[in-house]
Amino acid sequence: MQVRKTQEERRTHTRRALIAAARRLFAEKGYAGTGTPEIVAAAGVTRGALYHHFADKEALFAAVVEEEHLLMAMTINAATADGDEEPGPIRALISGGDAFLDAMQDPGRRQILLIDAPAVLGRAAVDAIDARHGLQTLVTGLRDAMEAGAMKKLPVETLARVFGAMFDRAALAAPEELADYRKAIKALIRGLKT
């Protein structure tokens, strides 16, 4: 017997299909190079379905950016639980930074998060999305290190924003420069040890 999907399941499926198709196209062609007709075709839905779920292409792009930030935060959190380079919160910060840089080697992710998102959504909107995910991960890691006495006490949120900018710049580096960026970042983190 075939089980019929509920209206909510169909809505969720359509929304997921739109976000997944848009992510693929935005990663491949950039925001400006992607049109809504090709998004709906790739998602296998109607144009009406797109506008039922999202006000416009920019709103769909914002949903893609939000999801990418969430996935990055999950990747970083998973990485901080593993590894044995050095114990404690300093190791967690280094492991999280390495996980971020590894994940950002996906050219499509760099295009979406570091190039198109600030240009399309504006700095304030990107910062708000980041505050819910990546920045919060950094704030937590830095606060844990400071509270454990492993790192000098500094303004946590300010330091997290500085680290975020540092990691974003490293993520944009040419592949042959990445090892040097990783080395410099590790030295900076370890330089804040108490």
C-alpha atoms as a PDB file:
ATOM      1  CA  MET A   1       0.000   0.000   0.000  1.00  0.00           C
ATOM      2  CA  GLN A   2       1.365   3.431  -0.938  1.00  0.00           C
ATOM      3  CA  VAL A   3       1.505   5.921   1.923  1.00  0.00           C
ATOM      4  CA  ARG A   4       0.477   9.424   0.927  1.00  0.00           C
ATOM      5  CA  LYS A   5       2.534  12.356   2.089  1.00  0.00           C
ATOM      6  CA  THR A   6       0.914  14.975   4.256  1.00  0.00           C
ATOM      7  CA  GLN A   7       0.725  18.572   3.086  1.00  0.00           C
ATOM      8  CA  GLU A   8       3.481  19.484   5.567  1.00  0.00           C
ATOM      9  CA  GLU A   9       5.733  16.708   4.221  1.00  0.00           C
ATOM     10  CA  ARG A  10       5.156  17.924   0.654  1.00  0.00           C
ATOM     11  CA  ARG A  11       5.942  21.510   1.688  1.00  0.00           C
ATOM     12  CA  THR A  12       9.118  20.425   3.451  1.00  0.00           C
ATOM     13  CA  HIS A  13      10.167  18.314   0.464  1.00  0.00           C
ATOM     14  CA  THR A  14       9.579  21.207  -1.965  1.00  0.00           C
ATOM     15  CA  ARG A  15      11.490  23.666   0.225  1.00  0.00           C
ATOM     16  CA  ARG A  16      14.408  21.218   0.585  1.00  0.00           C
ATOM     17  CA  ALA A  17      14.454  20.584  -3.182  1.00  0.00           C
ATOM     18  CA  LEU A  18      14.587  24.324  -3.886  1.00  0.00           C
ATOM     19  CA  ILE A  19      17.399  24.946  -1.389  1.00  0.00           C
ATOM     20  CA  ALA A  20      19.432  21.966  -2.652  1.00  0.00           C
ATOM     21  CA  ALA A  21      19.029  22.932  -6.320  1.00  0.00           C
ATOM     22  CA  ALA A  22      19.791  26.583  -5.589  1.00  0.00           C
ATOM     23  CA  ARG A  23      22.878  25.637  -3.579  1.00  0.00           C
ATOM     24  CA  ARG A  24      24.241  23.565  -6.469  1.00  0.00           C
ATOM     25  CA  LEU A  25      23.629  26.339  -8.987  1.00  0.00           C
ATOM     26  CA  PHE A  26      24.855  29.200  -6.782  1.00  0.00           C
ATOM     27  CA  ALA A  27      28.013  27.201  -6.035  1.00  0.00           C
ATOM     28  CA  GLU A  28      28.613  26.480  -9.705  1.00  0.00           C
ATOM     29  CA  LYS A  29      27.559  29.755 -11.346  1.00  0.00           C
ATOM     30  CA  GLY A  30      27.442  32.317  -8.556  1.00  0.00           C
ATOM     31  CA  TYR A  31      24.408  34.311  -7.496  1.00  0.00           C
ATOM     32  CA  ALA A  32      24.386  36.664 -10.484  1.00  0.00           C
ATOM     33  CA  GLY A  33      24.811  33.827 -12.979  1.00  0.00           C
ATOM     34  CA  THR A  34      21.887  31.818 -11.644  1.00  0.00           C
ATOM     35  CA  GLY A  35      18.305  32.473 -12.696  1.00  0.00           C
ATOM     36  CA  THR A  36      15.114  31.368 -10.995  1.00  0.00           C
ATOM     37  CA  PRO A  37      13.904  29.432 -14.077  1.00  0.00           C
ATOM     38  CA  GLU A  38      16.911  27.111 -13.865  1.00  0.00           C
ATOM     39  CA  ILE A  39      16.502  26.742 -10.103  1.00  0.00           C
ATOM     40  CA  VAL A  40      12.885  25.580 -10.411  1.00  0.00           C
ATOM     41  CA  ALA A  41      13.817  23.273 -13.305  1.00  0.00           C
ATOM     42  CA  ALA A  42      16.663  21.731 -11.287  1.00  0.00           C
ATOM     43  CA  ALA A  43      14.375  21.340  -8.261  1.00  0.00           C
ATOM     44  CA  GLY A  44      11.603  19.819 -10.356  1.00  0.00           C
ATOM     45  CA  VAL A  45       9.003  22.284  -9.084  1.00  0.00           C
ATOM     46  CA  THR A  46       6.957  25.129 -10.514  1.00  0.00           C
ATOM     47  CA  ARG A  47       7.805  28.808 -10.381  1.00  0.00           C
ATOM     48  CA  GLY A  48       4.727  29.229  -8.196  1.00  0.00           C
ATOM     49  CA  ALA A  49       6.194  26.767  -5.694  1.00  0.00           C
ATOM     50  CA  LEU A  50       9.366  28.857  -5.518  1.00  0.00           C
ATOM     51  CA  TYR A  51       7.411  32.012  -4.739  1.00  0.00           C
ATOM     52  CA  HIS A  52       5.192  30.183  -2.269  1.00  0.00           C
ATOM     53  CA  HIS A  53       8.271  29.362  -0.174  1.00  0.00           C
ATOM     54  CA  PHE A  54      10.514  32.354  -0.891  1.00  0.00           C
ATOM     55  CA  ALA A  55       9.694  35.972  -1.678  1.00  0.00           C
ATOM     56  CA  ASP A  56      12.379  36.125  -4.364  1.00  0.00           C
ATOM     57  CA  LYS A  57      15.763  34.778  -5.440  1.00  0.00           C
ATOM     58  CA  GLU A  58      17.501  36.772  -2.706  1.00  0.00           C
ATOM     59  CA  ALA A  59      15.324  35.164  -0.010  1.00  0.00           C
ATOM     60  CA  LEU A  60      16.161  31.719  -1.401  1.00  0.00           C
ATOM     61  CA  PHE A  61      19.844  32.665  -1.437  1.00  0.00           C
ATOM     62  CA  ALA A  62      19.582  33.778   2.216  1.00  0.00           C
ATOM     63  CA  ALA A  63      18.159  30.340   3.086  1.00  0.00           C
ATOM     64  CA  VAL A  64      21.105  28.695   1.297  1.00  0.00           C
ATOM     65  CA  VAL A  65      23.575  30.913   3.180  1.00  0.00           C
ATOM     66  CA  GLU A  66      21.869  30.135   6.500  1.00  0.00           C
ATOM     67  CA  GLU A  67      22.090  26.409   5.816  1.00  0.00           C
ATOM     68  CA  GLU A  68      25.742  26.636   4.779  1.00  0.00           C
ATOM     69  CA  HIS A  69      26.583  28.479   8.005  1.00  0.00           C
ATOM     70  CA  LEU A  70      24.725  25.840  10.026  1.00  0.00           C
ATOM     71  CA  LEU A  71      26.573  23.010   8.259  1.00  0.00           C
ATOM     72  CA  MET A  72      29.901  24.756   8.855  1.00  0.00           C
ATOM     73  CA  ALA A  73      29.137  25.149  12.578  1.00  0.00           C
ATOM     74  CA  MET A  74      28.226  21.462  12.808  1.00  0.00           C
ATOM     75  CA  THR A  75      31.469  20.504  11.034  1.00  0.00           C
ATOM     76  CA  ILE A  76      33.525  22.659  13.385  1.00  0.00           C
ATOM     77  CA  ASN A  77      31.756  21.338  16.482  1.00  0.00           C
ATOM     78  CA  ALA A  78      32.350  17.749  15.377  1.00  0.00           C
ATOM     79  CA  ALA A  79      36.039  18.455  14.778  1.00  0.00           C
ATOM     80  CA  THR A  80      36.585  19.986  18.193  1.00  0.00           C
ATOM     81  CA  ALA A  81      35.504  16.735  19.823  1.00  0.00           C
ATOM     82  CA  ASP A  82      38.264  14.762  18.044  1.00  0.00           C
ATOM     83  CA  GLY A  83      42.021  14.915  17.812  1.00  0.00           C
ATOM     84  CA  ASP A  84      44.902  14.778  20.226  1.00  0.00           C
ATOM     85  CA  GLU A  85      47.449  17.339  18.977  1.00  0.00           C
ATOM     86  CA  GLU A  86      47.278  19.025  22.370  1.00  0.00           C
ATOM     87  CA  PRO A  87      44.722  18.700  25.147  1.00  0.00           C
ATOM     88  CA  GLY A  88      41.955  21.077  26.060  1.00  0.00           C
ATOM     89  CA  PRO A  89      40.372  24.215  24.697  1.00  0.00           C
ATOM     90  CA  ILE A  90      43.426  25.397  22.748  1.00  0.00           C
ATOM     91  CA  ARG A  91      43.413  22.142  20.789  1.00  0.00           C
ATOM     92  CA  ALA A  92      39.666  22.575  20.234  1.00  0.00           C
ATOM     93  CA  LEU A  93      40.200  26.063  18.767  1.00  0.00           C
ATOM     94  CA  ILE A  94      42.953  24.810  16.462  1.00  0.00           C
ATOM     95  CA  SER A  95      40.941  21.739  15.411  1.00  0.00           C
ATOM     96  CA  GLY A  96      37.876  23.883  14.768  1.00  0.00           C
ATOM     97  CA  GLY A  97      39.915  26.303  12.666  1.00  0.00           C
ATOM     98  CA  ASP A  98      41.401  23.451  10.661  1.00  0.00           C
ATOM     99  CA  ALA A  99      37.926  21.991  10.101  1.00  0.00           C
ATOM    100  CA  PHE A 100      36.687  25.370   8.875  1.00  0.00           C
ATOM    101  CA  LEU A 101      39.586  25.731   6.447  1.00  0.00           C
ATOM    102  CA  ASP A 102      39.153  22.141   5.221  1.00  0.00           C
ATOM    103  CA  ALA A 103      35.434  22.672   4.599  1.00  0.00           C
ATOM    104  CA  MET A 104      36.094  25.970   2.847  1.00  0.00           C
ATOM    105  CA  GLN A 105      38.258  24.257   0.232  1.00  0.00           C
ATOM    106  CA  ASP A 106      34.983  23.631  -1.600  1.00  0.00           C
ATOM    107  CA  PRO A 107      35.064  26.440  -4.225  1.00  0.00           C
ATOM    108  CA  GLY A 108      31.271  26.604  -4.300  1.00  0.00           C
ATOM    109  CA  ARG A 109      31.085  27.151  -0.556  1.00  0.00           C
ATOM    110  CA  ARG A 110      33.664  29.941  -0.800  1.00  0.00           C
ATOM    111  CA  GLN A 111      31.659  31.518  -3.625  1.00  0.00           C
ATOM    112  CA  ILE A 112      28.432  31.403  -1.627  1.00  0.00           C
ATOM    113  CA  LEU A 113      29.707  32.383   1.821  1.00  0.00           C
ATOM    114  CA  LEU A 114      32.671  34.659   1.214  1.00  0.00           C
ATOM    115  CA  ILE A 115      32.033  36.281  -2.147  1.00  0.00           C
ATOM    116  CA  ASP A 116      28.314  36.388  -2.913  1.00  0.00           C
ATOM    117  CA  ALA A 117      26.741  36.531   0.561  1.00  0.00           C
ATOM    118  CA  PRO A 118      28.241  39.900   1.599  1.00  0.00           C
ATOM    119  CA  ALA A 119      27.579  41.377  -1.853  1.00  0.00           C
ATOM    120  CA  VAL A 120      23.984  40.138  -2.141  1.00  0.00           C
ATOM    121  CA  LEU A 121      22.720  40.186   1.439  1.00  0.00           C
ATOM    122  CA  GLY A 122      24.921  42.951   2.858  1.00  0.00           C
ATOM    123  CA  ARG A 123      27.375  42.824   5.710  1.00  0.00           C
ATOM    124  CA  ALA A 124      24.767  43.276   8.462  1.00  0.00           C
ATOM    125  CA  ALA A 125      22.631  40.352   7.256  1.00  0.00           C
ATOM    126  CA  VAL A 126      25.665  38.077   6.856  1.00  0.00           C
ATOM    127  CA  ASP A 127      26.891  39.060  10.327  1.00  0.00           C
ATOM    128  CA  ALA A 128      23.456  38.221  11.774  1.00  0.00           C
ATOM    129  CA  ILE A 129      23.498  34.785  10.125  1.00  0.00           C
ATOM    130  CA  ASP A 130      27.086  34.215  11.253  1.00  0.00           C
ATOM    131  CA  ALA A 131      26.181  35.257  14.810  1.00  0.00           C
ATOM    132  CA  ARG A 132      23.680  32.385  14.961  1.00  0.00           C
ATOM    133  CA  HIS A 133      26.222  29.799  13.821  1.00  0.00           C
ATOM    134  CA  GLY A 134      29.947  30.307  13.175  1.00  0.00           C
ATOM    135  CA  LEU A 135      30.518  33.294  15.422  1.00  0.00           C
ATOM    136  CA  GLN A 136      28.718  31.536  18.251  1.00  0.00           C
ATOM    137  CA  THR A 137      30.999  28.528  17.805  1.00  0.00           C
ATOM    138  CA  LEU A 138      34.061  30.784  18.073  1.00  0.00           C
ATOM    139  CA  VAL A 139      32.655  32.696  21.049  1.00  0.00           C
ATOM    140  CA  THR A 140      32.003  29.422  22.871  1.00  0.00           C
ATOM    141  CA  GLY A 141      35.474  28.064  22.082  1.00  0.00           C
ATOM    142  CA  LEU A 142      37.236  31.239  23.157  1.00  0.00           C
ATOM    143  CA  ARG A 143      35.119  31.616  26.299  1.00  0.00           C
ATOM    144  CA  ASP A 144      35.833  27.977  27.241  1.00  0.00           C
ATOM    145  CA  ALA A 145      39.571  28.574  26.783  1.00  0.00           C
ATOM    146  CA  MET A 146      39.492  31.752  28.885  1.00  0.00           C
ATOM    147  CA  GLU A 147      37.354  30.230  31.639  1.00  0.00           C
ATOM    148  CA  ALA A 148      39.666  27.200  31.782  1.00  0.00           C
ATOM    149  CA  GLY A 149      42.601  29.560  32.281  1.00  0.00           C
ATOM    150  CA  ALA A 150      44.212  28.298  29.071  1.00  0.00           C
ATOM    151  CA  MET A 151      43.992  31.643  27.268  1.00  0.00           C
ATOM    152  CA  LYS A 152      44.453  35.301  28.193  1.00  0.00           C
ATOM    153  CA  LYS A 153      41.209  37.036  29.084  1.00  0.00           C
ATOM    154  CA  LEU A 154      40.201  39.383  26.280  1.00  0.00           C
ATOM    155  CA  PRO A 155      36.859  40.749  25.023  1.00  0.00           C
ATOM    156  CA  VAL A 156      35.407  37.454  23.770  1.00  0.00           C
ATOM    157  CA  GLU A 157      33.049  38.635  21.052  1.00  0.00           C
ATOM    158  CA  THR A 158      35.580  41.092  19.630  1.00  0.00           C
ATOM    159  CA  LEU A 159      38.265  38.413  19.566  1.00  0.00           C
ATOM    160  CA  ALA A 160      35.821  36.002  17.898  1.00  0.00           C
ATOM    161  CA  ARG A 161      35.124  38.556  15.147  1.00  0.00           C
ATOM    162  CA  VAL A 162      38.871  39.073  14.629  1.00  0.00           C
ATOM    163  CA  PHE A 163      39.381  35.314  14.417  1.00  0.00           C
ATOM    164  CA  GLY A 164      36.429  35.006  12.038  1.00  0.00           C
ATOM    165  CA  ALA A 165      37.956  37.591   9.695  1.00  0.00           C
ATOM    166  CA  MET A 166      41.303  35.815   9.927  1.00  0.00           C
ATOM    167  CA  PHE A 167      39.754  32.448   9.054  1.00  0.00           C
ATOM    168  CA  ASP A 168      37.751  33.948   6.172  1.00  0.00           C
ATOM    169  CA  ARG A 169      40.899  35.513   4.708  1.00  0.00           C
ATOM    170  CA  ALA A 170      42.765  32.225   5.028  1.00  0.00           C
ATOM    171  CA  ALA A 171      39.889  30.408   3.316  1.00  0.00           C
ATOM    172  CA  LEU A 172      40.292  32.694   0.299  1.00  0.00           C
ATOM    173  CA  ALA A 173      44.029  31.985   0.018  1.00  0.00           C
ATOM    174  CA  ALA A 174      45.466  30.122  -2.939  1.00  0.00           C
ATOM    175  CA  PRO A 175      45.937  26.401  -2.185  1.00  0.00           C
ATOM    176  CA  GLU A 176      49.727  26.729  -2.208  1.00  0.00           C
ATOM    177  CA  GLU A 177      49.510  29.431   0.505  1.00  0.00           C
ATOM    178  CA  LEU A 178      47.107  27.602   2.815  1.00  0.00           C
ATOM    179  CA  ALA A 179      49.776  25.761   4.825  1.00  0.00           C
ATOM    180  CA  ASP A 180      51.392  29.082   5.734  1.00  0.00           C
ATOM    181  CA  TYR A 181      48.026  30.504   6.809  1.00  0.00           C
ATOM    182  CA  ARG A 182      47.385  27.444   8.982  1.00  0.00           C
ATOM    183  CA  LYS A 183      50.825  27.797  10.582  1.00  0.00           C
ATOM    184  CA  ALA A 184      50.274  31.504  11.290  1.00  0.00           C
ATOM    185  CA  ILE A 185      46.804  30.914  12.743  1.00  0.00           C
ATOM    186  CA  LYS A 186      48.064  28.154  15.050  1.00  0.00           C
ATOM    187  CA  ALA A 187      50.896  30.418  16.217  1.00  0.00           C
ATOM    188  CA  LEU A 188      48.449  33.246  16.946  1.00  0.00           C
ATOM    189  CA  ILE A 189      46.118  30.961  18.898  1.00  0.00           C
ATOM    190  CA  ARG A 190      48.994  29.462  20.873  1.00  0.00           C
ATOM    191  CA  GLY A 191      50.380  32.962  21.448  1.00  0.00           C
ATOM    192  CA  LEU A 192      47.249  33.765  23.479  1.00  0.00           C
ATOM    193  CA  LYS A 193      47.912  30.912  25.904  1.00  0.00           C
ATOM    194  CA  THR A 194      48.372  31.905  29.535  1.00  0.00           C
END
